[in-house]
Amino acid sequence: MSVEIEQLAQLSELAPVGCLILKDGVIRYASGEAVQTMGIPRERLIDVPLAELMVPDFEETCIDLLTRVGERPEQAAVRLAAGLAPVELRARSFGEALTVVAVRSMASEEHYSSLAGGSLTHDLVTGLPNHFHVLLQLNERFDQPRKVPSAIMALWIDELPGMTEAHGARTVQRIVKEVGRRLQEKLRAPDLLGRFDEAGFLVLMTTDASADQLTEIASRLRDEIAFPVELNQTLASFTASVVVGSVSETRPSVERILAQLEAAANRAANTGGNRTDVLAL
């Protein structure tokens, strides 16, 4: 450890928040508070590029933060790959390619946002839990010692980009909101429904239904929510694609689930949509 890093490290241990010291974007030192906040052992932090600790959606955010940082502090809200933990990074340059990054947990803010349906955890268009809040719920469900019979269902509105060009962004938002409302009406109270991406929704279901039963449920739900939406005295028609799978005793990782969903979405897009698939989780 260089003299400059050692001096900064001594000061960082006095800070009320976690601190990382980076050289050229790579972590060279992590304070005890930073280790606790991030939930990652110190040996897995040192000599690792900070951006690599983010979920993929936030890698560019982290890189951008470190690129623009100077003598004035810059900050960004990101999520760690470890448990999808929400943290705020506040960075400042100290010359010689050294950057000090303060790490603050945003778990409390997320908790209250969840209770109030706020913007940190809920989608502004549909009011449903957003992508990351749904994934956090998946993590929590899979970490439970008692295995709860579960299934995952994902639904996409086919050809949403084309609908945006034809009807405009505000009209498409109304369609997405209406689809979300229809899903809420059809699902049971214990099922967790969230908006997964621009055109997609994800459902975590509490059920021990067989693969055939799940396929029947998915197909029926797909037909019901793809009913045309009335807009300005005209009807906007669309189709939907659904994938569903039961979660086995051996719980899959969230990364595996995401990969399976992405592959299913690509299959639907490449075959014209309007289909029901089964996931092998």
C-alpha atoms as a PDB file:
ATOM      1  CA  MET A   1       0.000   0.000   0.000  1.00  0.00           C
ATOM      2  CA  SER A   2       1.450   3.380  -0.987  1.00  0.00           C
ATOM      3  CA  VAL A   3       2.012   6.112   1.595  1.00  0.00           C
ATOM      4  CA  GLU A   4      -0.770   8.225   0.104  1.00  0.00           C
ATOM      5  CA  ILE A   5      -3.276   5.371   0.181  1.00  0.00           C
ATOM      6  CA  GLU A   6      -2.253   4.525   3.748  1.00  0.00           C
ATOM      7  CA  GLN A   7      -2.831   8.120   4.849  1.00  0.00           C
ATOM      8  CA  LEU A   8      -6.238   8.244   3.174  1.00  0.00           C
ATOM      9  CA  ALA A   9      -7.099   4.878   4.709  1.00  0.00           C
ATOM     10  CA  GLN A  10      -6.373   6.131   8.221  1.00  0.00           C
ATOM     11  CA  LEU A  11      -8.690   9.089   7.653  1.00  0.00           C
ATOM     12  CA  SER A  12     -11.414   6.943   6.106  1.00  0.00           C
ATOM     13  CA  GLU A  13     -11.704   4.800   9.236  1.00  0.00           C
ATOM     14  CA  LEU A  14     -12.901   7.936  11.061  1.00  0.00           C
ATOM     15  CA  ALA A  15     -15.713   8.560   8.570  1.00  0.00           C
ATOM     16  CA  PRO A  16     -19.321   7.764   9.592  1.00  0.00           C
ATOM     17  CA  VAL A  17     -19.870   5.932   6.285  1.00  0.00           C
ATOM     18  CA  GLY A  18     -18.000   3.188   4.470  1.00  0.00           C
ATOM     19  CA  CYS A  19     -15.052   4.272   2.337  1.00  0.00           C
ATOM     20  CA  LEU A  20     -13.241   2.693  -0.588  1.00  0.00           C
ATOM     21  CA  ILE A  21      -9.962   3.895  -2.027  1.00  0.00           C
ATOM     22  CA  LEU A  22      -9.560   3.251  -5.743  1.00  0.00           C
ATOM     23  CA  LYS A  23      -6.622   3.575  -8.085  1.00  0.00           C
ATOM     24  CA  ASP A  24      -7.595   3.672 -11.763  1.00  0.00           C
ATOM     25  CA  GLY A  25     -11.027   2.358 -10.804  1.00  0.00           C
ATOM     26  CA  VAL A  26      -9.666  -0.659  -8.894  1.00  0.00           C
ATOM     27  CA  ILE A  27     -10.289  -1.011  -5.147  1.00  0.00           C
ATOM     28  CA  ARG A  28      -7.061  -0.831  -3.159  1.00  0.00           C
ATOM     29  CA  TYR A  29      -8.535  -0.328   0.298  1.00  0.00           C
ATOM     30  CA  ALA A  30     -11.923  -0.892   1.967  1.00  0.00           C
ATOM     31  CA  SER A  31     -12.797   0.386   5.436  1.00  0.00           C
ATOM     32  CA  GLY A  32     -14.553  -1.855   7.931  1.00  0.00           C
ATOM     33  CA  GLU A  33     -17.749   0.155   7.495  1.00  0.00           C
ATOM     34  CA  ALA A  34     -17.585  -0.319   3.710  1.00  0.00           C
ATOM     35  CA  VAL A  35     -17.184  -4.077   4.115  1.00  0.00           C
ATOM     36  CA  GLN A  36     -20.230  -4.180   6.396  1.00  0.00           C
ATOM     37  CA  THR A  37     -22.354  -1.926   4.174  1.00  0.00           C
ATOM     38  CA  MET A  38     -21.579  -3.842   0.994  1.00  0.00           C
ATOM     39  CA  GLY A  39     -21.862  -7.276   2.603  1.00  0.00           C
ATOM     40  CA  ILE A  40     -18.768  -8.479   0.748  1.00  0.00           C
ATOM     41  CA  PRO A  41     -15.643  -9.825   2.508  1.00  0.00           C
ATOM     42  CA  ARG A  42     -12.616  -7.539   2.269  1.00  0.00           C
ATOM     43  CA  GLU A  43     -10.581 -10.143   0.386  1.00  0.00           C
ATOM     44  CA  ARG A  44     -13.228 -10.144  -2.361  1.00  0.00           C
ATOM     45  CA  LEU A  45     -13.094  -6.356  -2.637  1.00  0.00           C
ATOM     46  CA  ILE A  46      -9.393  -5.647  -2.858  1.00  0.00           C
ATOM     47  CA  ASP A  47      -7.895  -5.516  -6.383  1.00  0.00           C
ATOM     48  CA  VAL A  48     -11.359  -5.695  -7.984  1.00  0.00           C
ATOM     49  CA  PRO A  49     -12.686  -2.945 -10.312  1.00  0.00           C
ATOM     50  CA  LEU A  50     -15.575  -1.265  -8.528  1.00  0.00           C
ATOM     51  CA  ALA A  51     -17.819  -1.450 -11.605  1.00  0.00           C
ATOM     52  CA  GLU A  52     -17.574  -5.254 -11.610  1.00  0.00           C
ATOM     53  CA  LEU A  53     -19.358  -5.368  -8.248  1.00  0.00           C
ATOM     54  CA  MET A  54     -22.501  -3.814  -9.744  1.00  0.00           C
ATOM     55  CA  VAL A  55     -25.427  -5.599 -11.327  1.00  0.00           C
ATOM     56  CA  PRO A  56     -25.076  -5.262 -15.128  1.00  0.00           C
ATOM     57  CA  ASP A  57     -27.681  -2.475 -15.340  1.00  0.00           C
ATOM     58  CA  PHE A  58     -25.497  -0.248 -13.161  1.00  0.00           C
ATOM     59  CA  GLU A  59     -21.997  -1.006 -14.440  1.00  0.00           C
ATOM     60  CA  GLU A  60     -22.127   1.928 -16.878  1.00  0.00           C
ATOM     61  CA  THR A  61     -23.475   4.206 -14.137  1.00  0.00           C
ATOM     62  CA  CYS A  62     -20.486   3.344 -11.964  1.00  0.00           C
ATOM     63  CA  ILE A  63     -18.000   3.771 -14.808  1.00  0.00           C
ATOM     64  CA  ASP A  64     -19.546   7.137 -15.700  1.00  0.00           C
ATOM     65  CA  LEU A  65     -19.271   8.268 -12.075  1.00  0.00           C
ATOM     66  CA  LEU A  66     -15.569   7.393 -11.907  1.00  0.00           C
ATOM     67  CA  THR A  67     -14.933   8.983 -15.321  1.00  0.00           C
ATOM     68  CA  ARG A  68     -16.381  12.377 -14.477  1.00  0.00           C
ATOM     69  CA  VAL A  69     -15.188  12.548 -10.861  1.00  0.00           C
ATOM     70  CA  GLY A  70     -12.916  15.447  -9.916  1.00  0.00           C
ATOM     71  CA  GLU A  71     -12.144  17.549  -6.853  1.00  0.00           C
ATOM     72  CA  ARG A  72     -15.868  18.200  -6.406  1.00  0.00           C
ATOM     73  CA  PRO A  73     -17.853  15.189  -5.119  1.00  0.00           C
ATOM     74  CA  GLU A  74     -20.017  13.274  -7.594  1.00  0.00           C
ATOM     75  CA  GLN A  75     -22.678  10.784  -6.566  1.00  0.00           C
ATOM     76  CA  ALA A  76     -24.813   8.021  -8.025  1.00  0.00           C
ATOM     77  CA  ALA A  77     -27.365   5.502  -6.771  1.00  0.00           C
ATOM     78  CA  VAL A  78     -26.510   1.940  -7.859  1.00  0.00           C
ATOM     79  CA  ARG A  79     -27.163  -1.681  -6.969  1.00  0.00           C
ATOM     80  CA  LEU A  80     -24.563  -4.213  -5.973  1.00  0.00           C
ATOM     81  CA  ALA A  81     -24.540  -7.658  -7.536  1.00  0.00           C
ATOM     82  CA  ALA A  82     -24.340  -9.043  -3.989  1.00  0.00           C
ATOM     83  CA  GLY A  83     -27.985  -9.363  -3.000  1.00  0.00           C
ATOM     84  CA  LEU A  84     -29.026  -6.489  -5.310  1.00  0.00           C
ATOM     85  CA  ALA A  85     -28.308  -4.180  -2.378  1.00  0.00           C
ATOM     86  CA  PRO A  86     -29.115  -0.511  -3.118  1.00  0.00           C
ATOM     87  CA  VAL A  87     -26.262   1.842  -2.228  1.00  0.00           C
ATOM     88  CA  GLU A  88     -25.287   5.427  -2.882  1.00  0.00           C
ATOM     89  CA  LEU A  89     -21.742   6.118  -4.042  1.00  0.00           C
ATOM     90  CA  ARG A  90     -20.180   9.519  -3.450  1.00  0.00           C
ATOM     91  CA  ALA A  91     -16.786   9.919  -5.110  1.00  0.00           C
ATOM     92  CA  ARG A  92     -13.987  12.503  -5.122  1.00  0.00           C
ATOM     93  CA  SER A  93     -10.620  12.508  -6.843  1.00  0.00           C
ATOM     94  CA  PHE A  94      -7.392  12.941  -4.877  1.00  0.00           C
ATOM     95  CA  GLY A  95      -4.885  12.992  -7.728  1.00  0.00           C
ATOM     96  CA  GLU A  96      -2.444  10.309  -8.897  1.00  0.00           C
ATOM     97  CA  ALA A  97      -5.467   8.411 -10.263  1.00  0.00           C
ATOM     98  CA  LEU A  98      -6.721   7.950  -6.684  1.00  0.00           C
ATOM     99  CA  THR A  99     -10.429   8.199  -5.895  1.00  0.00           C
ATOM    100  CA  VAL A 100     -12.124   7.977  -2.518  1.00  0.00           C
ATOM    101  CA  VAL A 101     -15.653   6.581  -2.713  1.00  0.00           C
ATOM    102  CA  ALA A 102     -18.050   6.850   0.211  1.00  0.00           C
ATOM    103  CA  VAL A 103     -20.575   3.995   0.290  1.00  0.00           C
ATOM    104  CA  ARG A 104     -23.929   4.497   1.984  1.00  0.00           C
ATOM    105  CA  SER A 105     -26.675   1.902   2.260  1.00  0.00           C
ATOM    106  CA  MET A 106     -30.064   2.949   0.875  1.00  0.00           C
ATOM    107  CA  ALA A 107     -31.887   0.012   2.476  1.00  0.00           C
ATOM    108  CA  SER A 108     -33.906   2.277   4.799  1.00  0.00           C
ATOM    109  CA  GLU A 109     -35.022   4.524   1.939  1.00  0.00           C
ATOM    110  CA  GLU A 110     -36.001   1.444  -0.058  1.00  0.00           C
ATOM    111  CA  HIS A 111     -37.953   0.012   2.862  1.00  0.00           C
ATOM    112  CA  TYR A 112     -40.070   3.141   3.234  1.00  0.00           C
ATOM    113  CA  SER A 113     -40.460   3.444  -0.523  1.00  0.00           C
ATOM    114  CA  SER A 114     -41.792  -0.115  -0.580  1.00  0.00           C
ATOM    115  CA  LEU A 115     -44.329   0.647   2.152  1.00  0.00           C
ATOM    116  CA  ALA A 116     -45.510   3.791   0.362  1.00  0.00           C
ATOM    117  CA  GLY A 117     -45.281   2.509  -3.211  1.00  0.00           C
ATOM    118  CA  GLY A 118     -42.631   5.148  -3.913  1.00  0.00           C
ATOM    119  CA  SER A 119     -40.366   5.677  -6.899  1.00  0.00           C
ATOM    120  CA  LEU A 120     -37.381   3.769  -5.473  1.00  0.00           C
ATOM    121  CA  THR A 121     -39.258   0.478  -5.545  1.00  0.00           C
ATOM    122  CA  HIS A 122     -42.296   1.017  -7.767  1.00  0.00           C
ATOM    123  CA  ASP A 123     -42.828   1.720 -11.455  1.00  0.00           C
ATOM    124  CA  LEU A 124     -44.223   5.207 -12.096  1.00  0.00           C
ATOM    125  CA  VAL A 125     -46.435   4.149 -15.028  1.00  0.00           C
ATOM    126  CA  THR A 126     -48.182   1.104 -13.554  1.00  0.00           C
ATOM    127  CA  GLY A 127     -47.664   1.625  -9.823  1.00  0.00           C
ATOM    128  CA  LEU A 128     -46.396  -1.964  -9.623  1.00  0.00           C
ATOM    129  CA  PRO A 129     -43.137  -3.069  -7.981  1.00  0.00           C
ATOM    130  CA  ASN A 130     -40.256  -2.365 -10.341  1.00  0.00           C
ATOM    131  CA  HIS A 131     -37.664  -4.705 -11.834  1.00  0.00           C
ATOM    132  CA  PHE A 132     -35.252  -4.639  -8.901  1.00  0.00           C
ATOM    133  CA  HIS A 133     -37.870  -4.808  -6.181  1.00  0.00           C
ATOM    134  CA  VAL A 134     -39.299  -7.953  -7.785  1.00  0.00           C
ATOM    135  CA  LEU A 135     -35.812  -9.477  -7.958  1.00  0.00           C
ATOM    136  CA  LEU A 136     -35.230  -8.647  -4.289  1.00  0.00           C
ATOM    137  CA  GLN A 137     -38.451 -10.440  -3.438  1.00  0.00           C
ATOM    138  CA  LEU A 138     -37.250 -13.439  -5.457  1.00  0.00           C
ATOM    139  CA  ASN A 139     -33.994 -13.467  -3.521  1.00  0.00           C
ATOM    140  CA  GLU A 140     -35.823 -13.301  -0.209  1.00  0.00           C
ATOM    141  CA  ARG A 141     -38.202 -16.095  -1.199  1.00  0.00           C
ATOM    142  CA  PHE A 142     -35.353 -18.369  -2.287  1.00  0.00           C
ATOM    143  CA  ASP A 143     -33.345 -17.659   0.856  1.00  0.00           C
ATOM    144  CA  GLN A 144     -36.122 -18.842   3.147  1.00  0.00           C
ATOM    145  CA  PRO A 145     -35.263 -22.108   4.952  1.00  0.00           C
ATOM    146  CA  ARG A 146     -38.797 -23.385   4.427  1.00  0.00           C
ATOM    147  CA  LYS A 147     -39.383 -24.249   0.785  1.00  0.00           C
ATOM    148  CA  VAL A 148     -42.587 -22.593  -0.388  1.00  0.00           C
ATOM    149  CA  PRO A 149     -44.077 -24.127  -3.575  1.00  0.00           C
ATOM    150  CA  SER A 150     -43.504 -21.472  -6.212  1.00  0.00           C
ATOM    151  CA  ALA A 151     -43.745 -20.731  -9.898  1.00  0.00           C
ATOM    152  CA  ILE A 152     -42.515 -17.884 -12.048  1.00  0.00           C
ATOM    153  CA  MET A 153     -44.474 -16.378 -14.905  1.00  0.00           C
ATOM    154  CA  ALA A 154     -43.281 -13.646 -17.252  1.00  0.00           C
ATOM    155  CA  LEU A 155     -45.420 -11.860 -19.826  1.00  0.00           C
ATOM    156  CA  TRP A 156     -44.433  -9.514 -22.633  1.00  0.00           C
ATOM    157  CA  ILE A 157     -46.540  -7.258 -24.834  1.00  0.00           C
ATOM    158  CA  ASP A 158     -45.456  -8.205 -28.355  1.00  0.00           C
ATOM    159  CA  GLU A 159     -44.177  -5.554 -30.760  1.00  0.00           C
ATOM    160  CA  LEU A 160     -44.252  -2.711 -28.226  1.00  0.00           C
ATOM    161  CA  PRO A 161     -41.632  -0.628 -30.133  1.00  0.00           C
ATOM    162  CA  GLY A 162     -43.796  -0.779 -33.238  1.00  0.00           C
ATOM    163  CA  MET A 163     -46.795   0.319 -31.209  1.00  0.00           C
ATOM    164  CA  THR A 164     -44.817   3.273 -29.905  1.00  0.00           C
ATOM    165  CA  GLU A 165     -44.102   4.396 -33.471  1.00  0.00           C
ATOM    166  CA  ALA A 166     -47.728   3.918 -34.526  1.00  0.00           C
ATOM    167  CA  HIS A 167     -49.518   5.371 -31.497  1.00  0.00           C
ATOM    168  CA  GLY A 168     -46.933   7.434 -29.581  1.00  0.00           C
ATOM    169  CA  ALA A 169     -45.240   6.944 -26.225  1.00  0.00           C
ATOM    170  CA  ARG A 170     -48.104   8.296 -24.088  1.00  0.00           C
ATOM    171  CA  THR A 171     -50.609   5.969 -25.713  1.00  0.00           C
ATOM    172  CA  VAL A 172     -48.329   2.977 -25.193  1.00  0.00           C
ATOM    173  CA  GLN A 173     -47.965   3.931 -21.524  1.00  0.00           C
ATOM    174  CA  ARG A 174     -51.749   3.718 -21.234  1.00  0.00           C
ATOM    175  CA  ILE A 175     -51.668   0.250 -22.803  1.00  0.00           C
ATOM    176  CA  VAL A 176     -48.943  -0.901 -20.396  1.00  0.00           C
ATOM    177  CA  LYS A 177     -50.894   0.530 -17.449  1.00  0.00           C
ATOM    178  CA  GLU A 178     -54.070  -1.239 -18.592  1.00  0.00           C
ATOM    179  CA  VAL A 179     -52.244  -4.558 -18.998  1.00  0.00           C
ATOM    180  CA  GLY A 180     -50.860  -4.174 -15.480  1.00  0.00           C
ATOM    181  CA  ARG A 181     -54.372  -3.500 -14.162  1.00  0.00           C
ATOM    182  CA  ARG A 182     -55.756  -6.595 -15.902  1.00  0.00           C
ATOM    183  CA  LEU A 183     -53.002  -8.747 -14.456  1.00  0.00           C
ATOM    184  CA  GLN A 184     -53.707  -7.449 -10.955  1.00  0.00           C
ATOM    185  CA  GLU A 185     -57.372  -8.340 -11.375  1.00  0.00           C
ATOM    186  CA  LYS A 186     -56.665 -11.898 -12.509  1.00  0.00           C
ATOM    187  CA  LEU A 187     -53.941 -12.850 -10.040  1.00  0.00           C
ATOM    188  CA  ARG A 188     -54.434 -13.893  -6.437  1.00  0.00           C
ATOM    189  CA  ALA A 189     -53.436 -11.737  -3.477  1.00  0.00           C
ATOM    190  CA  PRO A 190     -50.395 -13.902  -2.475  1.00  0.00           C
ATOM    191  CA  ASP A 191     -48.897 -13.616  -5.970  1.00  0.00           C
ATOM    192  CA  LEU A 192     -46.286 -10.898  -6.443  1.00  0.00           C
ATOM    193  CA  LEU A 193     -46.675  -8.934  -9.670  1.00  0.00           C
ATOM    194  CA  GLY A 194     -44.155  -6.397 -10.927  1.00  0.00           C
ATOM    195  CA  ARG A 195     -43.122  -4.584 -14.083  1.00  0.00           C
ATOM    196  CA  PHE A 196     -40.030  -6.358 -15.340  1.00  0.00           C
ATOM    197  CA  ASP A 197     -38.941  -4.214 -18.278  1.00  0.00           C
ATOM    198  CA  GLU A 198     -40.413  -1.801 -20.826  1.00  0.00           C
ATOM    199  CA  ALA A 199     -42.791  -4.394 -22.287  1.00  0.00           C
ATOM    200  CA  GLY A 200     -42.742  -7.116 -19.654  1.00  0.00           C
ATOM    201  CA  PHE A 201     -44.232  -8.161 -16.329  1.00  0.00           C
ATOM    202  CA  LEU A 202     -43.034 -10.802 -13.878  1.00  0.00           C
ATOM    203  CA  VAL A 203     -45.165 -12.812 -11.450  1.00  0.00           C
ATOM    204  CA  LEU A 204     -43.924 -14.848  -8.493  1.00  0.00           C
ATOM    205  CA  MET A 205     -46.716 -17.288  -7.736  1.00  0.00           C
ATOM    206  CA  THR A 206     -47.259 -19.369  -4.621  1.00  0.00           C
ATOM    207  CA  THR A 207     -48.490 -22.646  -6.109  1.00  0.00           C
ATOM    208  CA  ASP A 208     -47.668 -26.317  -6.487  1.00  0.00           C
ATOM    209  CA  ALA A 209     -49.478 -26.589  -9.846  1.00  0.00           C
ATOM    210  CA  SER A 210     -48.095 -29.034 -12.396  1.00  0.00           C
ATOM    211  CA  ALA A 211     -46.422 -27.950 -15.638  1.00  0.00           C
ATOM    212  CA  ASP A 212     -49.600 -28.665 -17.599  1.00  0.00           C
ATOM    213  CA  GLN A 213     -51.717 -26.670 -15.164  1.00  0.00           C
ATOM    214  CA  LEU A 214     -49.285 -23.748 -15.264  1.00  0.00           C
ATOM    215  CA  THR A 215     -49.309 -23.781 -19.062  1.00  0.00           C
ATOM    216  CA  GLU A 216     -53.104 -23.687 -19.076  1.00  0.00           C
ATOM    217  CA  ILE A 217     -53.128 -20.791 -16.593  1.00  0.00           C
ATOM    218  CA  ALA A 218     -50.527 -18.894 -18.631  1.00  0.00           C
ATOM    219  CA  SER A 219     -52.368 -19.365 -21.930  1.00  0.00           C
ATOM    220  CA  ARG A 220     -55.680 -18.249 -20.437  1.00  0.00           C
ATOM    221  CA  LEU A 221     -54.067 -15.214 -18.835  1.00  0.00           C
ATOM    222  CA  ARG A 222     -52.321 -14.306 -22.099  1.00  0.00           C
ATOM    223  CA  ASP A 223     -55.615 -14.315 -23.993  1.00  0.00           C
ATOM    224  CA  GLU A 224     -57.422 -12.286 -21.355  1.00  0.00           C
ATOM    225  CA  ILE A 225     -54.913  -9.475 -21.029  1.00  0.00           C
ATOM    226  CA  ALA A 226     -54.315  -9.150 -24.789  1.00  0.00           C
ATOM    227  CA  PHE A 227     -57.901  -7.982 -25.315  1.00  0.00           C
ATOM    228  CA  PRO A 228     -57.822  -4.688 -27.340  1.00  0.00           C
ATOM    229  CA  VAL A 229     -57.529  -1.443 -25.365  1.00  0.00           C
ATOM    230  CA  GLU A 230     -59.877   1.425 -26.203  1.00  0.00           C
ATOM    231  CA  LEU A 231     -57.964   4.621 -26.944  1.00  0.00           C
ATOM    232  CA  ASN A 232     -59.593   7.828 -28.172  1.00  0.00           C
ATOM    233  CA  GLN A 233     -62.632   5.965 -29.539  1.00  0.00           C
ATOM    234  CA  THR A 234     -60.423   3.491 -31.383  1.00  0.00           C
ATOM    235  CA  LEU A 235     -59.117   0.070 -30.424  1.00  0.00           C
ATOM    236  CA  ALA A 236     -55.404  -0.668 -30.064  1.00  0.00           C
ATOM    237  CA  SER A 237     -54.855  -4.380 -30.682  1.00  0.00           C
ATOM    238  CA  PHE A 238     -51.818  -6.353 -29.596  1.00  0.00           C
ATOM    239  CA  THR A 239     -50.716  -9.862 -28.689  1.00  0.00           C
ATOM    240  CA  ALA A 240     -48.764 -11.169 -25.729  1.00  0.00           C
ATOM    241  CA  SER A 241     -46.270 -13.923 -25.022  1.00  0.00           C
ATOM    242  CA  VAL A 242     -46.010 -15.794 -21.719  1.00  0.00           C
ATOM    243  CA  VAL A 243     -43.430 -18.120 -20.204  1.00  0.00           C
ATOM    244  CA  VAL A 244     -43.988 -20.027 -16.994  1.00  0.00           C
ATOM    245  CA  GLY A 245     -42.107 -22.553 -14.900  1.00  0.00           C
ATOM    246  CA  SER A 246     -42.317 -24.160 -11.472  1.00  0.00           C
ATOM    247  CA  VAL A 247     -39.431 -23.671  -9.063  1.00  0.00           C
ATOM    248  CA  SER A 248     -37.928 -27.006  -8.048  1.00  0.00           C
ATOM    249  CA  GLU A 249     -36.636 -28.061  -4.644  1.00  0.00           C
ATOM    250  CA  THR A 250     -33.180 -27.039  -5.847  1.00  0.00           C
ATOM    251  CA  ARG A 251     -33.663 -23.305  -5.974  1.00  0.00           C
ATOM    252  CA  PRO A 252     -32.245 -21.725  -9.147  1.00  0.00           C
ATOM    253  CA  SER A 253     -30.121 -18.604  -8.902  1.00  0.00           C
ATOM    254  CA  VAL A 254     -31.691 -15.304  -9.885  1.00  0.00           C
ATOM    255  CA  GLU A 255     -29.026 -15.054 -12.613  1.00  0.00           C
ATOM    256  CA  ARG A 256     -30.217 -18.365 -14.103  1.00  0.00           C
ATOM    257  CA  ILE A 257     -33.815 -17.183 -14.017  1.00  0.00           C
ATOM    258  CA  LEU A 258     -32.920 -13.927 -15.767  1.00  0.00           C
ATOM    259  CA  ALA A 259     -30.972 -15.802 -18.441  1.00  0.00           C
ATOM    260  CA  GLN A 260     -33.921 -18.138 -19.036  1.00  0.00           C
ATOM    261  CA  LEU A 261     -36.355 -15.222 -19.273  1.00  0.00           C
ATOM    262  CA  GLU A 262     -34.110 -13.367 -21.704  1.00  0.00           C
ATOM    263  CA  ALA A 263     -33.855 -16.458 -23.902  1.00  0.00           C
ATOM    264  CA  ALA A 264     -37.644 -16.883 -23.822  1.00  0.00           C
ATOM    265  CA  ALA A 265     -38.165 -13.221 -24.751  1.00  0.00           C
ATOM    266  CA  ASN A 266     -35.784 -13.614 -27.692  1.00  0.00           C
ATOM    267  CA  ARG A 267     -37.641 -16.726 -28.888  1.00  0.00           C
ATOM    268  CA  ALA A 268     -40.934 -14.867 -28.753  1.00  0.00           C
ATOM    269  CA  ALA A 269     -39.502 -11.883 -30.633  1.00  0.00           C
ATOM    270  CA  ASN A 270     -37.939 -14.093 -33.316  1.00  0.00           C
ATOM    271  CA  THR A 271     -41.105 -16.108 -33.940  1.00  0.00           C
ATOM    272  CA  GLY A 272     -43.646 -13.295 -34.038  1.00  0.00           C
ATOM    273  CA  GLY A 273     -44.835 -13.600 -30.443  1.00  0.00           C
ATOM    274  CA  ASN A 274     -48.324 -14.658 -29.373  1.00  0.00           C
ATOM    275  CA  ARG A 275     -46.979 -17.819 -27.750  1.00  0.00           C
ATOM    276  CA  THR A 276     -46.797 -19.690 -24.431  1.00  0.00           C
ATOM    277  CA  ASP A 277     -43.560 -21.380 -23.346  1.00  0.00           C
ATOM    278  CA  VAL A 278     -42.468 -23.442 -20.348  1.00  0.00           C
ATOM    279  CA  LEU A 279     -39.249 -22.713 -18.465  1.00  0.00           C
ATOM    280  CA  ALA A 280     -36.968 -25.469 -17.193  1.00  0.00           C
ATOM    281  CA  LEU A 281     -35.865 -23.936 -13.900  1.00  0.00           C
END
